[in-house]
Amino acid sequence: MESCDICGVKAPFKRKNGTHYLEVHHIEWLSKGENDLLENTVALCPNRHKNAYIKLVKRQKKTKG
């Protein structure tokens, strides 16, 4: 995988061997007991990964407030 699943930007990180990689985001959190399966993940650039967590935190605050 060489581009973000959301915005399509090319993977910004490089391994020592020169291959690119993205950050993995679990759609359903492992900490909530979900499975660590490929079907439960998306590959995201750092900006989209951070935005995903910001939106989740805001959503959680709304449901608690």
PDB file of N, CA and C in Angstrom:
ATOM      1  N   MET A   1       0.847  -1.167   0.000  1.00  0.00           N
ATOM      2  CA  MET A   1       0.000   0.000   0.000  1.00  0.00           C
ATOM      3  C   MET A   1       0.895   1.232   0.000  1.00  0.00           C
ATOM      4  N   GLU A   2       0.662   2.094  -0.953  1.00  0.00           N
ATOM      5  CA  GLU A   2       1.540   3.253  -1.060  1.00  0.00           C
ATOM      6  C   GLU A   2       0.828   4.587  -0.935  1.00  0.00           C
ATOM      7  N   SER A   3      -0.493   4.575  -0.734  1.00  0.00           N
ATOM      8  CA  SER A   3      -1.190   5.851  -0.576  1.00  0.00           C
ATOM      9  C   SER A   3      -2.291   5.727   0.469  1.00  0.00           C
ATOM     10  N   CYS A   4      -2.602   6.862   1.096  1.00  0.00           N
ATOM     11  CA  CYS A   4      -3.602   6.943   2.156  1.00  0.00           C
ATOM     12  C   CYS A   4      -4.964   6.491   1.633  1.00  0.00           C
ATOM     13  N   ASP A   5      -5.649   5.666   2.421  1.00  0.00           N
ATOM     14  CA  ASP A   5      -6.977   5.177   2.030  1.00  0.00           C
ATOM     15  C   ASP A   5      -8.021   6.286   1.986  1.00  0.00           C
ATOM     16  N   ILE A   6      -7.776   7.407   2.654  1.00  0.00           N
ATOM     17  CA  ILE A   6      -8.760   8.486   2.663  1.00  0.00           C
ATOM     18  C   ILE A   6      -8.445   9.559   1.627  1.00  0.00           C
ATOM     19  N   CYS A   7      -7.235  10.118   1.680  1.00  0.00           N
ATOM     20  CA  CYS A   7      -6.943  11.267   0.807  1.00  0.00           C
ATOM     21  C   CYS A   7      -6.081  10.916  -0.401  1.00  0.00           C
ATOM     22  N   GLY A   8      -5.477   9.726  -0.403  1.00  0.00           N
ATOM     23  CA  GLY A   8      -4.684   9.295  -1.543  1.00  0.00           C
ATOM     24  C   GLY A   8      -3.258   9.810  -1.580  1.00  0.00           C
ATOM     25  N   VAL A   9      -2.835  10.562  -0.553  1.00  0.00           N
ATOM     26  CA  VAL A   9      -1.469  11.072  -0.531  1.00  0.00           C
ATOM     27  C   VAL A   9      -0.481   9.906  -0.448  1.00  0.00           C
ATOM     28  N   LYS A  10       0.647  10.049  -1.118  1.00  0.00           N
ATOM     29  CA  LYS A  10       1.666   8.998  -1.117  1.00  0.00           C
ATOM     30  C   LYS A  10       2.233   8.816   0.294  1.00  0.00           C
ATOM     31  N   ALA A  11       2.523   7.594   0.631  1.00  0.00           N
ATOM     32  CA  ALA A  11       3.065   7.267   1.954  1.00  0.00           C
ATOM     33  C   ALA A  11       4.310   8.098   2.242  1.00  0.00           C
ATOM     34  N   PRO A  12       4.307   8.868   3.347  1.00  0.00           N
ATOM     35  CA  PRO A  12       5.423   9.771   3.627  1.00  0.00           C
ATOM     36  C   PRO A  12       6.603   9.118   4.330  1.00  0.00           C
ATOM     37  N   PHE A  13       6.408   7.931   4.870  1.00  0.00           N
ATOM     38  CA  PHE A  13       7.468   7.283   5.627  1.00  0.00           C
ATOM     39  C   PHE A  13       8.204   6.261   4.784  1.00  0.00           C
ATOM     40  N   LYS A  14       9.514   6.121   5.052  1.00  0.00           N
ATOM     41  CA  LYS A  14      10.334   5.133   4.342  1.00  0.00           C
ATOM     42  C   LYS A  14      11.059   4.244   5.337  1.00  0.00           C
ATOM     43  N   ARG A  15      11.051   2.945   5.042  1.00  0.00           N
ATOM     44  CA  ARG A  15      11.844   1.997   5.828  1.00  0.00           C
ATOM     45  C   ARG A  15      13.302   2.091   5.387  1.00  0.00           C
ATOM     46  N   LYS A  16      14.166   1.453   6.129  1.00  0.00           N
ATOM     47  CA  LYS A  16      15.593   1.457   5.780  1.00  0.00           C
ATOM     48  C   LYS A  16      15.848   0.865   4.397  1.00  0.00           C
ATOM     49  N   ASN A  17      14.969  -0.067   3.982  1.00  0.00           N
ATOM     50  CA  ASN A  17      15.161  -0.700   2.671  1.00  0.00           C
ATOM     51  C   ASN A  17      14.566   0.134   1.528  1.00  0.00           C
ATOM     52  N   GLY A  18      14.000   1.308   1.868  1.00  0.00           N
ATOM     53  CA  GLY A  18      13.480   2.203   0.841  1.00  0.00           C
ATOM     54  C   GLY A  18      12.003   2.065   0.533  1.00  0.00           C
ATOM     55  N   THR A  19      11.340   1.044   1.073  1.00  0.00           N
ATOM     56  CA  THR A  19       9.914   0.893   0.821  1.00  0.00           C
ATOM     57  C   THR A  19       9.115   1.869   1.683  1.00  0.00           C
ATOM     58  N   HIS A  20       8.013   2.338   1.144  1.00  0.00           N
ATOM     59  CA  HIS A  20       7.166   3.290   1.855  1.00  0.00           C
ATOM     60  C   HIS A  20       6.152   2.583   2.735  1.00  0.00           C
ATOM     61  N   TYR A  21       5.704   3.288   3.776  1.00  0.00           N
ATOM     62  CA  TYR A  21       4.631   2.741   4.602  1.00  0.00           C
ATOM     63  C   TYR A  21       3.785   3.860   5.200  1.00  0.00           C
ATOM     64  N   LEU A  22       2.589   3.505   5.626  1.00  0.00           N
ATOM     65  CA  LEU A  22       1.621   4.415   6.229  1.00  0.00           C
ATOM     66  C   LEU A  22       1.339   3.978   7.664  1.00  0.00           C
ATOM     67  N   GLU A  23       0.514   4.737   8.358  1.00  0.00           N
ATOM     68  CA  GLU A  23       0.096   4.362   9.703  1.00  0.00           C
ATOM     69  C   GLU A  23      -1.169   3.505   9.594  1.00  0.00           C
ATOM     70  N   VAL A  24      -1.253   2.492  10.428  1.00  0.00           N
ATOM     71  CA  VAL A  24      -2.430   1.618  10.432  1.00  0.00           C
ATOM     72  C   VAL A  24      -3.413   2.128  11.484  1.00  0.00           C
ATOM     73  N   HIS A  25      -4.665   2.266  11.076  1.00  0.00           N
ATOM     74  CA  HIS A  25      -5.728   2.669  12.000  1.00  0.00           C
ATOM     75  C   HIS A  25      -6.752   1.553  12.069  1.00  0.00           C
ATOM     76  N   HIS A  26      -7.055   1.129  13.292  1.00  0.00           N
ATOM     77  CA  HIS A  26      -8.081   0.108  13.481  1.00  0.00           C
ATOM     78  C   HIS A  26      -9.442   0.788  13.512  1.00  0.00           C
ATOM     79  N   ILE A  27     -10.340   0.335  12.677  1.00  0.00           N
ATOM     80  CA  ILE A  27     -11.682   0.917  12.586  1.00  0.00           C
ATOM     81  C   ILE A  27     -12.424   0.696  13.901  1.00  0.00           C
ATOM     82  N   GLU A  28     -12.436  -0.530  14.359  1.00  0.00           N
ATOM     83  CA  GLU A  28     -12.977  -0.867  15.677  1.00  0.00           C
ATOM     84  C   GLU A  28     -11.771  -1.135  16.577  1.00  0.00           C
ATOM     85  N   TRP A  29     -11.681  -0.419  17.667  1.00  0.00           N
ATOM     86  CA  TRP A  29     -10.479  -0.433  18.509  1.00  0.00           C
ATOM     87  C   TRP A  29     -10.190  -1.801  19.123  1.00  0.00           C
ATOM     88  N   LEU A  30      -8.920  -2.152  19.119  1.00  0.00           N
ATOM     89  CA  LEU A  30      -8.479  -3.385  19.762  1.00  0.00           C
ATOM     90  C   LEU A  30      -8.714  -3.313  21.265  1.00  0.00           C
ATOM     91  N   SER A  31      -8.551  -2.131  21.843  1.00  0.00           N
ATOM     92  CA  SER A  31      -8.741  -1.955  23.288  1.00  0.00           C
ATOM     93  C   SER A  31     -10.182  -2.200  23.717  1.00  0.00           C
ATOM     94  N   LYS A  32     -11.092  -2.190  22.767  1.00  0.00           N
ATOM     95  CA  LYS A  32     -12.507  -2.468  23.061  1.00  0.00           C
ATOM     96  C   LYS A  32     -12.856  -3.922  22.744  1.00  0.00           C
ATOM     97  N   GLY A  33     -11.808  -4.737  22.516  1.00  0.00           N
ATOM     98  CA  GLY A  33     -12.020  -6.157  22.305  1.00  0.00           C
ATOM     99  C   GLY A  33     -12.180  -6.597  20.862  1.00  0.00           C
ATOM    100  N   GLU A  34     -11.965  -5.689  19.934  1.00  0.00           N
ATOM    101  CA  GLU A  34     -12.109  -6.057  18.517  1.00  0.00           C
ATOM    102  C   GLU A  34     -10.886  -6.831  18.034  1.00  0.00           C
ATOM    103  N   ASN A  35     -11.034  -7.481  16.902  1.00  0.00           N
ATOM    104  CA  ASN A  35      -9.981  -8.335  16.361  1.00  0.00           C
ATOM    105  C   ASN A  35      -8.948  -7.547  15.557  1.00  0.00           C
ATOM    106  N   ASP A  36      -7.734  -8.030  15.591  1.00  0.00           N
ATOM    107  CA  ASP A  36      -6.641  -7.435  14.830  1.00  0.00           C
ATOM    108  C   ASP A  36      -6.587  -8.098  13.456  1.00  0.00           C
ATOM    109  N   LEU A  37      -7.588  -7.783  12.640  1.00  0.00           N
ATOM    110  CA  LEU A  37      -7.704  -8.359  11.311  1.00  0.00           C
ATOM    111  C   LEU A  37      -7.542  -7.270  10.256  1.00  0.00           C
ATOM    112  N   LEU A  38      -7.074  -7.653   9.088  1.00  0.00           N
ATOM    113  CA  LEU A  38      -6.902  -6.712   7.989  1.00  0.00           C
ATOM    114  C   LEU A  38      -8.210  -5.990   7.659  1.00  0.00           C
ATOM    115  N   GLU A  39      -9.322  -6.699   7.755  1.00  0.00           N
ATOM    116  CA  GLU A  39     -10.628  -6.116   7.451  1.00  0.00           C
ATOM    117  C   GLU A  39     -11.023  -5.009   8.428  1.00  0.00           C
ATOM    118  N   ASN A  40     -10.344  -4.948   9.568  1.00  0.00           N
ATOM    119  CA  ASN A  40     -10.637  -3.952  10.597  1.00  0.00           C
ATOM    120  C   ASN A  40      -9.633  -2.795  10.559  1.00  0.00           C
ATOM    121  N   THR A  41      -8.924  -2.634   9.459  1.00  0.00           N
ATOM    122  CA  THR A  41      -7.898  -1.596   9.390  1.00  0.00           C
ATOM    123  C   THR A  41      -8.002  -0.769   8.111  1.00  0.00           C
ATOM    124  N   VAL A  42      -7.440   0.436   8.202  1.00  0.00           N
ATOM    125  CA  VAL A  42      -7.224   1.284   7.038  1.00  0.00           C
ATOM    126  C   VAL A  42      -5.810   1.834   7.148  1.00  0.00           C
ATOM    127  N   ALA A  43      -5.196   2.102   6.011  1.00  0.00           N
ATOM    128  CA  ALA A  43      -3.850   2.681   5.971  1.00  0.00           C
ATOM    129  C   ALA A  43      -3.987   4.183   5.767  1.00  0.00           C
ATOM    130  N   LEU A  44      -3.451   4.969   6.710  1.00  0.00           N
ATOM    131  CA  LEU A  44      -3.645   6.409   6.682  1.00  0.00           C
ATOM    132  C   LEU A  44      -2.330   7.177   6.725  1.00  0.00           C
ATOM    133  N   CYS A  45      -2.334   8.349   6.097  1.00  0.00           N
ATOM    134  CA  CYS A  45      -1.215   9.278   6.233  1.00  0.00           C
ATOM    135  C   CYS A  45      -1.290   9.852   7.649  1.00  0.00           C
ATOM    136  N   PRO A  46      -0.215  10.447   8.157  1.00  0.00           N
ATOM    137  CA  PRO A  46      -0.224  10.960   9.529  1.00  0.00           C
ATOM    138  C   PRO A  46      -1.326  11.997   9.788  1.00  0.00           C
ATOM    139  N   ASN A  47      -1.598  12.863   8.816  1.00  0.00           N
ATOM    140  CA  ASN A  47      -2.633  13.883   9.011  1.00  0.00           C
ATOM    141  C   ASN A  47      -4.011  13.270   9.160  1.00  0.00           C
ATOM    142  N   ARG A  48      -4.362  12.325   8.297  1.00  0.00           N
ATOM    143  CA  ARG A  48      -5.684  11.688   8.378  1.00  0.00           C
ATOM    144  C   ARG A  48      -5.796  10.828   9.632  1.00  0.00           C
ATOM    145  N   HIS A  49      -4.693  10.204  10.042  1.00  0.00           N
ATOM    146  CA  HIS A  49      -4.719   9.382  11.248  1.00  0.00           C
ATOM    147  C   HIS A  49      -4.994  10.255  12.469  1.00  0.00           C
ATOM    148  N   LYS A  50      -4.322  11.379  12.551  1.00  0.00           N
ATOM    149  CA  LYS A  50      -4.548  12.305  13.671  1.00  0.00           C
ATOM    150  C   LYS A  50      -5.987  12.827  13.643  1.00  0.00           C
ATOM    151  N   ASN A  51      -6.473  13.207  12.470  1.00  0.00           N
ATOM    152  CA  ASN A  51      -7.845  13.705  12.344  1.00  0.00           C
ATOM    153  C   ASN A  51      -8.871  12.666  12.777  1.00  0.00           C
ATOM    154  N   ALA A  52      -8.605  11.401  12.494  1.00  0.00           N
ATOM    155  CA  ALA A  52      -9.529  10.336  12.894  1.00  0.00           C
ATOM    156  C   ALA A  52      -9.675  10.311  14.406  1.00  0.00           C
ATOM    157  N   TYR A  53      -8.587  10.461  15.137  1.00  0.00           N
ATOM    158  CA  TYR A  53      -8.642  10.446  16.592  1.00  0.00           C
ATOM    159  C   TYR A  53      -9.275  11.714  17.143  1.00  0.00           C
ATOM    160  N   ILE A  54      -9.002  12.846  16.543  1.00  0.00           N
ATOM    161  CA  ILE A  54      -9.618  14.106  16.989  1.00  0.00           C
ATOM    162  C   ILE A  54     -11.132  14.016  16.857  1.00  0.00           C
ATOM    163  N   LYS A  55     -11.615  13.501  15.731  1.00  0.00           N
ATOM    164  CA  LYS A  55     -13.059  13.372  15.524  1.00  0.00           C
ATOM    165  C   LYS A  55     -13.679  12.396  16.525  1.00  0.00           C
ATOM    166  N   LEU A  56     -12.973  11.309  16.828  1.00  0.00           N
ATOM    167  CA  LEU A  56     -13.494  10.346  17.796  1.00  0.00           C
ATOM    168  C   LEU A  56     -13.601  10.966  19.182  1.00  0.00           C
ATOM    169  N   VAL A  57     -12.583  11.718  19.579  1.00  0.00           N
ATOM    170  CA  VAL A  57     -12.598  12.353  20.905  1.00  0.00           C
ATOM    171  C   VAL A  57     -13.744  13.358  20.986  1.00  0.00           C
ATOM    172  N   LYS A  58     -13.931  14.157  19.950  1.00  0.00           N
ATOM    173  CA  LYS A  58     -15.031  15.129  19.944  1.00  0.00           C
ATOM    174  C   LYS A  58     -16.379  14.426  20.030  1.00  0.00           C
ATOM    175  N   ARG A  59     -16.516  13.323  19.308  1.00  0.00           N
ATOM    176  CA  ARG A  59     -17.768  12.560  19.318  1.00  0.00           C
ATOM    177  C   ARG A  59     -18.034  11.985  20.709  1.00  0.00           C
ATOM    178  N   GLN A  60     -16.971  11.479  21.354  1.00  0.00           N
ATOM    179  CA  GLN A  60     -17.123  10.915  22.691  1.00  0.00           C
ATOM    180  C   GLN A  60     -17.529  11.986  23.707  1.00  0.00           C
ATOM    181  N   LYS A  61     -16.951  13.181  23.576  1.00  0.00           N
ATOM    182  CA  LYS A  61     -17.293  14.279  24.484  1.00  0.00           C
ATOM    183  C   LYS A  61     -18.758  14.676  24.325  1.00  0.00           C
ATOM    184  N   LYS A  62     -19.248  14.680  23.084  1.00  0.00           N
ATOM    185  CA  LYS A  62     -20.656  15.046  22.836  1.00  0.00           C
ATOM    186  C   LYS A  62     -21.598  14.031  23.463  1.00  0.00           C
ATOM    187  N   THR A  63     -21.256  12.749  23.369  1.00  0.00           N
ATOM    188  CA  THR A  63     -22.149  11.716  23.917  1.00  0.00           C
ATOM    189  C   THR A  63     -22.117  11.689  25.447  1.00  0.00           C
ATOM    190  N   LYS A  64     -21.006  12.134  26.035  1.00  0.00           N
ATOM    191  CA  LYS A  64     -20.899  12.160  27.509  1.00  0.00           C
ATOM    192  C   LYS A  64     -21.499  13.429  28.077  1.00  0.00           C
ATOM    193  N   GLY A  65     -21.496  14.510  27.282  1.00  0.00           N
ATOM    194  CA  GLY A  65     -21.883  15.821  27.794  1.00  0.00           C
ATOM    195  C   GLY A  65     -23.330  16.035  27.744  1.00  0.00           C
TER     196      GLY A  65
END
